[in-house]
C-alpha atoms as a PDB file:
ATOM      1  CA  UNK A   1     -31.366  23.452 -25.286  1.00  0.00           C
ATOM      2  CA  UNK A   2     -28.256  22.214 -23.405  1.00  0.00           C
ATOM      3  CA  UNK A   3     -26.496  25.504 -24.129  1.00  0.00           C
ATOM      4  CA  UNK A   4     -29.532  27.548 -22.954  1.00  0.00           C
ATOM      5  CA  UNK A   5     -30.020  25.524 -19.829  1.00  0.00           C
ATOM      6  CA  UNK A   6     -26.217  25.719 -18.982  1.00  0.00           C
ATOM      7  CA  UNK A   7     -26.343  29.459 -19.465  1.00  0.00           C
ATOM      8  CA  UNK A   8     -29.327  29.635 -17.242  1.00  0.00           C
ATOM      9  CA  UNK A   9     -27.898  27.424 -14.470  1.00  0.00           C
ATOM     10  CA  UNK A  10     -24.493  29.107 -14.446  1.00  0.00           C
ATOM     11  CA  UNK A  11     -25.814  32.658 -14.311  1.00  0.00           C
ATOM     12  CA  UNK A  12     -24.942  33.983 -10.976  1.00  0.00           C
ATOM     13  CA  UNK A  13     -23.578  30.535  -9.800  1.00  0.00           C
ATOM     14  CA  UNK A  14     -20.762  30.844  -7.228  1.00  0.00           C
ATOM     15  CA  UNK A  15     -18.597  27.642  -7.100  1.00  0.00           C
ATOM     16  CA  UNK A  16     -16.855  28.717  -3.949  1.00  0.00           C
ATOM     17  CA  UNK A  17     -19.984  28.460  -1.728  1.00  0.00           C
ATOM     18  CA  UNK A  18     -22.016  25.454  -0.727  1.00  0.00           C
ATOM     19  CA  UNK A  19     -25.016  25.082  -3.001  1.00  0.00           C
ATOM     20  CA  UNK A  20     -27.714  25.160  -0.279  1.00  0.00           C
ATOM     21  CA  UNK A  21     -30.806  27.415   0.172  1.00  0.00           C
ATOM     22  CA  UNK A  22     -30.266  27.576   3.878  1.00  0.00           C
ATOM     23  CA  UNK A  23     -26.824  27.735   5.399  1.00  0.00           C
ATOM     24  CA  UNK A  24     -27.927  25.438   8.174  1.00  0.00           C
ATOM     25  CA  UNK A  25     -28.514  22.610   5.639  1.00  0.00           C
ATOM     26  CA  UNK A  26     -25.751  20.044   5.291  1.00  0.00           C
ATOM     27  CA  UNK A  27     -24.720  18.303   2.064  1.00  0.00           C
ATOM     28  CA  UNK A  28     -24.590  14.580   2.172  1.00  0.00           C
ATOM     29  CA  UNK A  29     -21.921  13.154  -0.082  1.00  0.00           C
ATOM     30  CA  UNK A  30     -22.100   9.517  -1.071  1.00  0.00           C
ATOM     31  CA  UNK A  31     -18.657   8.010  -1.758  1.00  0.00           C
ATOM     32  CA  UNK A  32     -17.780   5.000  -3.956  1.00  0.00           C
ATOM     33  CA  UNK A  33     -14.422   3.427  -4.414  1.00  0.00           C
ATOM     34  CA  UNK A  34     -13.694   1.317  -7.501  1.00  0.00           C
ATOM     35  CA  UNK A  35     -10.223  -0.215  -7.449  1.00  0.00           C
ATOM     36  CA  UNK A  36      -8.952  -0.924 -10.995  1.00  0.00           C
ATOM     37  CA  UNK A  37      -5.334  -1.705 -10.534  1.00  0.00           C
ATOM     38  CA  UNK A  38      -2.507  -2.085  -7.931  1.00  0.00           C
ATOM     39  CA  UNK A  39       0.327  -0.264  -9.679  1.00  0.00           C
ATOM     40  CA  UNK A  40       3.102  -0.780  -7.177  1.00  0.00           C
ATOM     41  CA  UNK A  41       3.830  -1.771  -3.563  1.00  0.00           C
ATOM     42  CA  UNK A  42       7.017  -0.100  -2.397  1.00  0.00           C
ATOM     43  CA  UNK A  43       8.020  -2.341   0.479  1.00  0.00           C
ATOM     44  CA  UNK A  44      11.043  -0.236   1.525  1.00  0.00           C
ATOM     45  CA  UNK A  45       9.232   3.103   1.681  1.00  0.00           C
ATOM     46  CA  UNK A  46       5.855   1.565   2.703  1.00  0.00           C
ATOM     47  CA  UNK A  47       3.895   3.317  -0.103  1.00  0.00           C
ATOM     48  CA  UNK A  48       1.075   1.702  -2.125  1.00  0.00           C
ATOM     49  CA  UNK A  49       0.305   3.018  -5.637  1.00  0.00           C
ATOM     50  CA  UNK A  50      -3.177   2.348  -7.060  1.00  0.00           C
ATOM     51  CA  UNK A  51      -5.480   3.388  -9.862  1.00  0.00           C
ATOM     52  CA  UNK A  52      -9.120   3.966  -8.809  1.00  0.00           C
ATOM     53  CA  UNK A  53     -12.437   5.382  -9.914  1.00  0.00           C
ATOM     54  CA  UNK A  54     -13.521   7.573  -7.199  1.00  0.00           C
ATOM     55  CA  UNK A  55     -17.316   8.261  -7.372  1.00  0.00           C
ATOM     56  CA  UNK A  56     -19.028  11.177  -5.475  1.00  0.00           C
ATOM     57  CA  UNK A  57     -22.701  12.069  -5.450  1.00  0.00           C
ATOM     58  CA  UNK A  58     -24.478  14.939  -3.808  1.00  0.00           C
ATOM     59  CA  UNK A  59     -27.431  17.360  -4.353  1.00  0.00           C
ATOM     60  CA  UNK A  60     -26.819  20.775  -5.578  1.00  0.00           C
ATOM     61  CA  UNK A  61     -29.895  22.878  -4.826  1.00  0.00           C
ATOM     62  CA  UNK A  62     -28.755  25.513  -7.396  1.00  0.00           C
ATOM     63  CA  UNK A  63     -28.636  23.090 -10.314  1.00  0.00           C
ATOM     64  CA  UNK A  64     -32.446  22.348 -10.569  1.00  0.00           C
ATOM     65  CA  UNK A  65     -34.718  22.832 -13.590  1.00  0.00           C
ATOM     66  CA  UNK A  66     -38.017  21.680 -15.005  1.00  0.00           C
ATOM     67  CA  UNK A  67     -37.435  19.337 -17.958  1.00  0.00           C
ATOM     68  CA  UNK A  68     -40.668  20.617 -19.658  1.00  0.00           C
ATOM     69  CA  UNK A  69     -38.910  24.048 -20.207  1.00  0.00           C
ATOM     70  CA  UNK A  70     -36.003  22.515 -22.105  1.00  0.00           C
ATOM     71  CA  UNK A  71     -37.840  19.861 -24.398  1.00  0.00           C
ATOM     72  CA  UNK A  72     -37.603  17.029 -21.816  1.00  0.00           C
ATOM     73  CA  UNK A  73     -33.844  17.463 -21.117  1.00  0.00           C
ATOM     74  CA  UNK A  74     -33.285  15.641 -17.822  1.00  0.00           C
ATOM     75  CA  UNK A  75     -29.523  15.292 -17.660  1.00  0.00           C
ATOM     76  CA  UNK A  76     -26.561  17.429 -18.653  1.00  0.00           C
ATOM     77  CA  UNK A  77     -22.725  17.200 -18.275  1.00  0.00           C
ATOM     78  CA  UNK A  78     -20.802  20.082 -16.787  1.00  0.00           C
ATOM     79  CA  UNK A  79     -17.068  20.633 -16.313  1.00  0.00           C
ATOM     80  CA  UNK A  80     -16.443  20.149 -12.590  1.00  0.00           C
ATOM     81  CA  UNK A  81     -14.534  23.378 -12.244  1.00  0.00           C
ATOM     82  CA  UNK A  82     -17.644  25.339 -12.962  1.00  0.00           C
ATOM     83  CA  UNK A  83     -19.592  23.935  -9.995  1.00  0.00           C
ATOM     84  CA  UNK A  84     -19.105  23.436  -6.256  1.00  0.00           C
ATOM     85  CA  UNK A  85     -17.347  20.192  -5.221  1.00  0.00           C
ATOM     86  CA  UNK A  86     -16.621  18.646  -1.803  1.00  0.00           C
ATOM     87  CA  UNK A  87     -12.969  18.971  -1.029  1.00  0.00           C
ATOM     88  CA  UNK A  88     -12.407  15.321  -0.406  1.00  0.00           C
ATOM     89  CA  UNK A  89      -8.723  14.440   0.061  1.00  0.00           C
ATOM     90  CA  UNK A  90      -6.775  11.312   0.888  1.00  0.00           C
ATOM     91  CA  UNK A  91      -5.637  11.861   4.463  1.00  0.00           C
ATOM     92  CA  UNK A  92      -2.836   9.274   4.392  1.00  0.00           C
ATOM     93  CA  UNK A  93      -1.629  10.247   0.882  1.00  0.00           C
ATOM     94  CA  UNK A  94       2.094  10.957   0.377  1.00  0.00           C
ATOM     95  CA  UNK A  95       1.712  13.568  -2.316  1.00  0.00           C
ATOM     96  CA  UNK A  96       0.054  16.959  -2.661  1.00  0.00           C
ATOM     97  CA  UNK A  97      -3.645  16.538  -3.370  1.00  0.00           C
ATOM     98  CA  UNK A  98      -6.694  18.667  -3.960  1.00  0.00           C
ATOM     99  CA  UNK A  99      -7.673  19.230  -7.548  1.00  0.00           C
ATOM    100  CA  UNK A 100      -4.474  17.397  -8.651  1.00  0.00           C
ATOM    101  CA  UNK A 101      -5.790  14.286  -7.122  1.00  0.00           C
ATOM    102  CA  UNK A 102      -8.548  13.864  -9.808  1.00  0.00           C
ATOM    103  CA  UNK A 103      -8.579  13.479 -13.591  1.00  0.00           C
ATOM    104  CA  UNK A 104     -10.546  16.242 -15.450  1.00  0.00           C
ATOM    105  CA  UNK A 105     -13.703  14.338 -16.207  1.00  0.00           C
ATOM    106  CA  UNK A 106     -17.215  15.809 -16.577  1.00  0.00           C
ATOM    107  CA  UNK A 107     -19.779  15.857 -13.785  1.00  0.00           C
ATOM    108  CA  UNK A 108     -23.200  14.518 -14.615  1.00  0.00           C
ATOM    109  CA  UNK A 109     -26.150  16.613 -13.317  1.00  0.00           C
ATOM    110  CA  UNK A 110     -29.895  15.561 -13.388  1.00  0.00           C
ATOM    111  CA  UNK A 111     -32.843  17.914 -13.332  1.00  0.00           C
ATOM    112  CA  UNK A 112     -33.494  17.269  -9.567  1.00  0.00           C
ATOM    113  CA  UNK A 113     -30.040  18.655  -8.727  1.00  0.00           C
ATOM    114  CA  UNK A 114     -28.254  15.372  -8.117  1.00  0.00           C
ATOM    115  CA  UNK A 115     -24.527  15.617  -9.167  1.00  0.00           C
ATOM    116  CA  UNK A 116     -22.570  12.489  -9.952  1.00  0.00           C
ATOM    117  CA  UNK A 117     -18.753  12.792 -10.461  1.00  0.00           C
ATOM    118  CA  UNK A 118     -16.527   9.740 -10.859  1.00  0.00           C
ATOM    119  CA  UNK A 119     -13.018  10.906 -11.802  1.00  0.00           C
ATOM    120  CA  UNK A 120     -10.102   8.617 -12.178  1.00  0.00           C
ATOM    121  CA  UNK A 121      -7.368   9.024  -9.562  1.00  0.00           C
ATOM    122  CA  UNK A 122      -3.845   7.692  -9.253  1.00  0.00           C
ATOM    123  CA  UNK A 123      -3.358   7.387  -5.439  1.00  0.00           C
ATOM    124  CA  UNK A 124      -0.022   6.971  -3.573  1.00  0.00           C
ATOM    125  CA  UNK A 125      -0.862   6.181   0.120  1.00  0.00           C
ATOM    126  CA  UNK A 126       1.111   5.141   3.152  1.00  0.00           C
ATOM    127  CA  UNK A 127       0.679   1.488   4.019  1.00  0.00           C
ATOM    128  CA  UNK A 128       2.363   0.282   7.307  1.00  0.00           C
ATOM    129  CA  UNK A 129       3.779  -3.090   6.545  1.00  0.00           C
ATOM    130  CA  UNK A 130       4.604  -6.057   8.898  1.00  0.00           C
ATOM    131  CA  UNK A 131       7.249  -8.135   7.085  1.00  0.00           C
ATOM    132  CA  UNK A 132       7.853 -10.592   9.970  1.00  0.00           C
ATOM    133  CA  UNK A 133       6.736 -13.525   7.806  1.00  0.00           C
ATOM    134  CA  UNK A 134       8.163 -12.107   4.428  1.00  0.00           C
ATOM    135  CA  UNK A 135       7.700 -13.459   1.783  1.00  0.00           C
ATOM    136  CA  UNK A 136       4.628 -15.358   3.194  1.00  0.00           C
ATOM    137  CA  UNK A 137       2.964 -12.298   4.584  1.00  0.00           C
ATOM    138  CA  UNK A 138      -0.481 -10.650   4.613  1.00  0.00           C
ATOM    139  CA  UNK A 139      -0.887  -6.886   4.720  1.00  0.00           C
ATOM    140  CA  UNK A 140      -3.658  -4.330   5.336  1.00  0.00           C
ATOM    141  CA  UNK A 141      -3.620  -1.079   3.609  1.00  0.00           C
ATOM    142  CA  UNK A 142      -6.135   1.775   4.083  1.00  0.00           C
ATOM    143  CA  UNK A 143      -7.449   4.754   2.195  1.00  0.00           C
ATOM    144  CA  UNK A 144      -8.865   7.512   4.607  1.00  0.00           C
ATOM    145  CA  UNK A 145     -11.026   9.877   2.685  1.00  0.00           C
ATOM    146  CA  UNK A 146     -12.628  12.925   4.098  1.00  0.00           C
ATOM    147  CA  UNK A 147     -13.280  16.703   3.646  1.00  0.00           C
ATOM    148  CA  UNK A 148     -10.183  18.784   4.535  1.00  0.00           C
ATOM    149  CA  UNK A 149     -12.062  21.977   5.674  1.00  0.00           C
ATOM    150  CA  UNK A 150     -15.843  21.265   6.053  1.00  0.00           C
ATOM    151  CA  UNK A 151     -17.121  19.751   9.236  1.00  0.00           C
ATOM    152  CA  UNK A 152     -19.882  17.221   9.643  1.00  0.00           C
ATOM    153  CA  UNK A 153     -22.533  19.881  10.066  1.00  0.00           C
ATOM    154  CA  UNK A 154     -21.712  21.269   6.587  1.00  0.00           C
ATOM    155  CA  UNK A 155     -20.679  18.210   4.547  1.00  0.00           C
ATOM    156  CA  UNK A 156     -21.470  14.769   5.779  1.00  0.00           C
ATOM    157  CA  UNK A 157     -19.919  11.600   4.240  1.00  0.00           C
ATOM    158  CA  UNK A 158     -21.459   8.198   3.765  1.00  0.00           C
ATOM    159  CA  UNK A 159     -20.195   5.108   1.965  1.00  0.00           C
ATOM    160  CA  UNK A 160     -22.321   3.606  -0.791  1.00  0.00           C
ATOM    161  CA  UNK A 161     -21.168   0.092  -0.135  1.00  0.00           C
ATOM    162  CA  UNK A 162     -19.522  -1.827   2.723  1.00  0.00           C
ATOM    163  CA  UNK A 163     -16.654  -2.854   0.499  1.00  0.00           C
ATOM    164  CA  UNK A 164     -14.643  -1.729  -2.575  1.00  0.00           C
ATOM    165  CA  UNK A 165     -15.987  -2.335  -6.028  1.00  0.00           C
ATOM    166  CA  UNK A 166     -13.568  -4.850  -7.675  1.00  0.00           C
ATOM    167  CA  UNK A 167     -15.591  -5.476 -10.907  1.00  0.00           C
ATOM    168  CA  UNK A 168     -13.012  -3.516 -12.981  1.00  0.00           C
ATOM    169  CA  UNK A 169      -9.966  -4.783 -11.098  1.00  0.00           C
ATOM    170  CA  UNK A 170      -6.939  -6.090 -13.177  1.00  0.00           C
ATOM    171  CA  UNK A 171      -5.047  -8.825 -11.396  1.00  0.00           C
ATOM    172  CA  UNK A 172      -1.653  -7.907 -10.021  1.00  0.00           C
ATOM    173  CA  UNK A 173       1.280 -10.255 -10.387  1.00  0.00           C
ATOM    174  CA  UNK A 174       2.697  -9.571  -6.937  1.00  0.00           C
ATOM    175  CA  UNK A 175      -0.353  -9.349  -4.687  1.00  0.00           C
ATOM    176  CA  UNK A 176      -3.746 -11.181  -4.215  1.00  0.00           C
ATOM    177  CA  UNK A 177      -6.740  -9.305  -2.788  1.00  0.00           C
ATOM    178  CA  UNK A 178      -8.205 -11.500  -0.037  1.00  0.00           C
ATOM    179  CA  UNK A 179     -10.850  -8.956   1.057  1.00  0.00           C
ATOM    180  CA  UNK A 180     -11.995  -5.281   1.252  1.00  0.00           C
ATOM    181  CA  UNK A 181     -13.935  -3.289   3.782  1.00  0.00           C
ATOM    182  CA  UNK A 182     -15.447   0.228   4.125  1.00  0.00           C
ATOM    183  CA  UNK A 183     -16.038   1.925   7.387  1.00  0.00           C
ATOM    184  CA  UNK A 184     -17.466   5.374   8.251  1.00  0.00           C
ATOM    185  CA  UNK A 185     -15.923   7.220  11.157  1.00  0.00           C
ATOM    186  CA  UNK A 186     -16.605  10.418  12.988  1.00  0.00           C
ATOM    187  CA  UNK A 187     -13.467  12.203  14.574  1.00  0.00           C
ATOM    188  CA  UNK A 188     -13.351  15.075  16.993  1.00  0.00           C
ATOM    189  CA  UNK A 189     -10.149  17.010  16.856  1.00  0.00           C
ATOM    190  CA  UNK A 190      -8.628  19.125  19.710  1.00  0.00           C
ATOM    191  CA  UNK A 191      -8.927  22.303  17.637  1.00  0.00           C
ATOM    192  CA  UNK A 192     -12.591  22.116  16.893  1.00  0.00           C
ATOM    193  CA  UNK A 193     -15.877  21.149  18.663  1.00  0.00           C
ATOM    194  CA  UNK A 194     -17.466  19.997  15.366  1.00  0.00           C
ATOM    195  CA  UNK A 195     -17.434  16.375  14.162  1.00  0.00           C
ATOM    196  CA  UNK A 196     -15.316  15.523  11.141  1.00  0.00           C
ATOM    197  CA  UNK A 197     -16.592  12.324   9.317  1.00  0.00           C
ATOM    198  CA  UNK A 198     -14.446  10.247   7.101  1.00  0.00           C
ATOM    199  CA  UNK A 199     -14.770   7.009   5.113  1.00  0.00           C
ATOM    200  CA  UNK A 200     -11.852   4.592   5.324  1.00  0.00           C
ATOM    201  CA  UNK A 201     -11.510   1.758   2.865  1.00  0.00           C
ATOM    202  CA  UNK A 202      -9.348  -1.175   3.881  1.00  0.00           C
ATOM    203  CA  UNK A 203      -7.639  -3.436   1.419  1.00  0.00           C
ATOM    204  CA  UNK A 204      -6.487  -6.844   2.617  1.00  0.00           C
ATOM    205  CA  UNK A 205      -3.561  -8.234   0.519  1.00  0.00           C
ATOM    206  CA  UNK A 206      -1.593 -11.487   0.361  1.00  0.00           C
ATOM    207  CA  UNK A 207       1.774 -11.593  -1.283  1.00  0.00           C
ATOM    208  CA  UNK A 208       2.323 -13.973  -4.228  1.00  0.00           C
ATOM    209  CA  UNK A 209       5.269 -16.088  -3.390  1.00  0.00           C
ATOM    210  CA  UNK A 210       6.366 -17.831  -6.660  1.00  0.00           C
ATOM    211  CA  UNK A 211       8.951 -15.144  -7.372  1.00  0.00           C
ATOM    212  CA  UNK A 212      10.378 -15.222  -3.909  1.00  0.00           C
ATOM    213  CA  UNK A 213      10.366 -18.935  -3.804  1.00  0.00           C
ATOM    214  CA  UNK A 214      12.529 -19.144  -6.984  1.00  0.00           C
ATOM    215  CA  UNK A 215      14.894 -16.284  -6.023  1.00  0.00           C
ATOM    216  CA  UNK A 216      15.161 -16.268  -2.315  1.00  0.00           C
ATOM    217  CA  UNK A 217      13.700 -19.268  -0.407  1.00  0.00           C
ATOM    218  CA  UNK A 218      15.043 -22.021  -2.825  1.00  0.00           C
ATOM    219  CA  UNK A 219      18.603 -20.638  -2.976  1.00  0.00           C
ATOM    220  CA  UNK A 220      18.560 -20.199   0.827  1.00  0.00           C
ATOM    221  CA  UNK A 221      17.752 -23.914   1.279  1.00  0.00           C
ATOM    222  CA  UNK A 222      20.224 -25.025  -1.249  1.00  0.00           C
ATOM    223  CA  UNK A 223      22.953 -22.987   0.398  1.00  0.00           C
ATOM    224  CA  UNK A 224      22.039 -24.487   3.807  1.00  0.00           C
ATOM    225  CA  UNK A 225      22.387 -27.961   2.244  1.00  0.00           C
ATOM    226  CA  UNK A 226      25.798 -27.043   0.843  1.00  0.00           C
ATOM    227  CA  UNK A 227      27.030 -25.793   4.146  1.00  0.00           C
ATOM    228  CA  UNK A 228      26.133 -29.200   5.716  1.00  0.00           C
ATOM    229  CA  UNK A 229      28.169 -30.994   2.956  1.00  0.00           C
ATOM    230  CA  UNK A 230      31.349 -29.448   4.398  1.00  0.00           C
ATOM    231  CA  UNK A 231      31.102 -31.860   7.270  1.00  0.00           C
ATOM    232  CA  UNK A 232      31.698 -34.831   4.847  1.00  0.00           C
ATOM    233  CA  UNK A 233      34.973 -33.342   3.545  1.00  0.00           C
ATOM    234  CA  UNK A 234      38.142 -34.976   4.923  1.00  0.00           C
ATOM    235  CA  UNK A 235      39.638 -33.152   7.915  1.00  0.00           C
ATOM    236  CA  UNK A 236      42.702 -31.080   7.143  1.00  0.00           C
ATOM    237  CA  UNK A 237      41.803 -30.179   3.532  1.00  0.00           C
ATOM    238  CA  UNK A 238      41.763 -26.656   2.357  1.00  0.00           C
ATOM    239  CA  UNK A 239      38.611 -27.323   0.301  1.00  0.00           C
ATOM    240  CA  UNK A 240      36.620 -27.485   3.555  1.00  0.00           C
ATOM    241  CA  UNK A 241      37.538 -23.869   4.283  1.00  0.00           C
ATOM    242  CA  UNK A 242      36.870 -22.766   0.621  1.00  0.00           C
ATOM    243  CA  UNK A 243      33.444 -24.275   0.631  1.00  0.00           C
ATOM    244  CA  UNK A 244      32.608 -22.606   3.933  1.00  0.00           C
ATOM    245  CA  UNK A 245      33.801 -19.157   2.631  1.00  0.00           C
ATOM    246  CA  UNK A 246      31.892 -19.546  -0.556  1.00  0.00           C
ATOM    247  CA  UNK A 247      28.712 -20.452   1.177  1.00  0.00           C
ATOM    248  CA  UNK A 248      29.175 -17.604   3.698  1.00  0.00           C
ATOM    249  CA  UNK A 249      29.634 -15.053   0.828  1.00  0.00           C
ATOM    250  CA  UNK A 250      26.521 -16.399  -1.000  1.00  0.00           C
ATOM    251  CA  UNK A 251      24.492 -15.996   2.191  1.00  0.00           C
ATOM    252  CA  UNK A 252      25.757 -12.430   2.620  1.00  0.00           C
ATOM    253  CA  UNK A 253      24.663 -11.617  -1.012  1.00  0.00           C
ATOM    254  CA  UNK A 254      21.292 -13.240  -0.382  1.00  0.00           C
ATOM    255  CA  UNK A 255      20.903 -11.195   2.795  1.00  0.00           C
ATOM    256  CA  UNK A 256      21.680  -7.939   0.900  1.00  0.00           C
ATOM    257  CA  UNK A 257      18.883  -8.834  -1.540  1.00  0.00           C
ATOM    258  CA  UNK A 258      16.420  -9.188   1.248  1.00  0.00           C
ATOM    259  CA  UNK A 259      17.575  -6.013   3.033  1.00  0.00           C
ATOM    260  CA  UNK A 260      17.044  -4.101  -0.104  1.00  0.00           C
ATOM    261  CA  UNK A 261      13.340  -4.898  -0.042  1.00  0.00           C
ATOM    262  CA  UNK A 262      12.412  -4.210   3.577  1.00  0.00           C
ATOM    263  CA  UNK A 263      12.095  -0.773   5.378  1.00  0.00           C
ATOM    264  CA  UNK A 264      14.922   0.365   7.655  1.00  0.00           C
ATOM    265  CA  UNK A 265      13.086  -0.045  10.926  1.00  0.00           C
ATOM    266  CA  UNK A 266      13.582  -1.718  14.213  1.00  0.00           C
ATOM    267  CA  UNK A 267       9.895  -2.441  14.745  1.00  0.00           C
ATOM    268  CA  UNK A 268      10.226  -6.027  13.257  1.00  0.00           C
ATOM    269  CA  UNK A 269      12.840  -8.573  12.045  1.00  0.00           C
ATOM    270  CA  UNK A 270      11.866 -10.849   9.122  1.00  0.00           C
ATOM    271  CA  UNK A 271      12.108 -14.478  10.150  1.00  0.00           C
ATOM    272  CA  UNK A 272      13.981 -15.294   6.969  1.00  0.00           C
ATOM    273  CA  UNK A 273      16.553 -12.579   7.793  1.00  0.00           C
ATOM    274  CA  UNK A 274      16.911 -13.951  11.328  1.00  0.00           C
ATOM    275  CA  UNK A 275      17.458 -17.453   9.773  1.00  0.00           C
ATOM    276  CA  UNK A 276      20.096 -16.175   7.535  1.00  0.00           C
ATOM    277  CA  UNK A 277      21.971 -14.460  10.319  1.00  0.00           C
ATOM    278  CA  UNK A 278      21.859 -17.623  12.436  1.00  0.00           C
ATOM    279  CA  UNK A 279      23.125 -19.732   9.524  1.00  0.00           C
ATOM    280  CA  UNK A 280      25.900 -17.190   8.740  1.00  0.00           C
ATOM    281  CA  UNK A 281      27.018 -17.297  12.336  1.00  0.00           C
ATOM    282  CA  UNK A 282      27.126 -21.109  12.432  1.00  0.00           C
ATOM    283  CA  UNK A 283      28.931 -21.100   9.073  1.00  0.00           C
ATOM    284  CA  UNK A 284      31.504 -18.637  10.375  1.00  0.00           C
ATOM    285  CA  UNK A 285      32.123 -20.776  13.397  1.00  0.00           C
ATOM    286  CA  UNK A 286      32.474 -23.895  11.147  1.00  0.00           C
ATOM    287  CA  UNK A 287      34.986 -22.039   8.927  1.00  0.00           C
ATOM    288  CA  UNK A 288      36.952 -20.933  11.948  1.00  0.00           C
ATOM    289  CA  UNK A 289      37.108 -24.403  13.349  1.00  0.00           C
ATOM    290  CA  UNK A 290      38.099 -25.809  10.026  1.00  0.00           C
ATOM    291  CA  UNK A 291      40.997 -23.298   9.756  1.00  0.00           C
ATOM    292  CA  UNK A 292      42.156 -24.224  13.370  1.00  0.00           C
ATOM    293  CA  UNK A 293      42.021 -27.908  12.548  1.00  0.00           C
ATOM    294  CA  UNK A 294      43.790 -27.462   9.334  1.00  0.00           C
ATOM    295  CA  UNK A 295      46.534 -25.493  11.120  1.00  0.00           C
ATOM    296  CA  UNK A 296      46.880 -28.345  13.642  1.00  0.00           C
ATOM    297  CA  UNK A 297      46.939 -30.830  10.882  1.00  0.00           C
ATOM    298  CA  UNK A 298      49.846 -28.946   9.084  1.00  0.00           C
ATOM    299  CA  UNK A 299      51.908 -28.786  12.117  1.00  0.00           C
ATOM    300  CA  UNK A 300      51.908 -32.645  12.425  1.00  0.00           C
ATOM    301  CA  UNK A 301      54.745 -34.026  14.645  1.00  0.00           C
ATOM    302  CA  UNK A 302      56.030 -30.504  15.342  1.00  0.00           C
ATOM    303  CA  UNK A 303      53.289 -30.138  17.869  1.00  0.00           C
ATOM    304  CA  UNK A 304      54.086 -30.413  21.561  1.00  0.00           C
ATOM    305  CA  UNK A 305      52.999 -33.740  23.009  1.00  0.00           C
ATOM    306  CA  UNK A 306      49.737 -33.904  24.774  1.00  0.00           C
ATOM    307  CA  UNK A 307      50.267 -33.771  28.554  1.00  0.00           C
ATOM    308  CA  UNK A 308      49.947 -37.149  30.139  1.00  0.00           C
ATOM    309  CA  UNK A 309      47.265 -35.796  32.544  1.00  0.00           C
ATOM    310  CA  UNK A 310      45.191 -34.648  29.545  1.00  0.00           C
ATOM    311  CA  UNK A 311      45.503 -38.062  27.904  1.00  0.00           C
END
């Protein structure tokens, strides 16, 4: 019965045209977004990689049948390439999308023409980061989904839920999800008078700080304490200079570690980077003064007498 039904439905079916009886009818596509995993957050390039289940549901007026004619068959599964699908793309994606965006899973079709398709997709999207408070920062990443060629009069988009589905989410070691949101927008572009709807999903993230506390913050505080110990060393000893140079070099290496993680932009300066710069400047001044004092100490009595007026 399935083979007979599929042959009947596909006979004369054209997947390149919208499956409507009247060209003035619009197809309403219901979108769902299930986040299963955060694969990677590339801070330097500001790119978020995620694994999602991207569900789409619409009515295909050409895929309708009477279950009585097929022994009560009410549901079949069809390869998606055989039927019409909305050309939903990720507007803020960083790779080429289209059919390559989705896995090749089957579409489920019911006797009344309702098509449900939920492919798995690995998304790489842009995410503008504000690292001012790195590594104690919160970020907001978005996924803007919409049709690339159909306007709102032909294909309309609605979100099934007001937030992402996190029931299948695998906890990430680097980020905590503190909230999600879904919002439908209608945009008018300068090229066209028709509306173009989209559904944008927002992902609110908070960085987990344990790794950075152990590898950046704690060493930074320890080095700051060591730089202060230099003031307890006797005046005129070379160890004072050696300690200052060692601490300065350690701060420089720590600064390189931080710079390697942040994007090359002038829009913001991480406070921890600003702190390192100030400490390095003060440490440099301290080393320079220690060298000067050591030089005066080594001269001893060979120095000229201090003028009486200065005494």
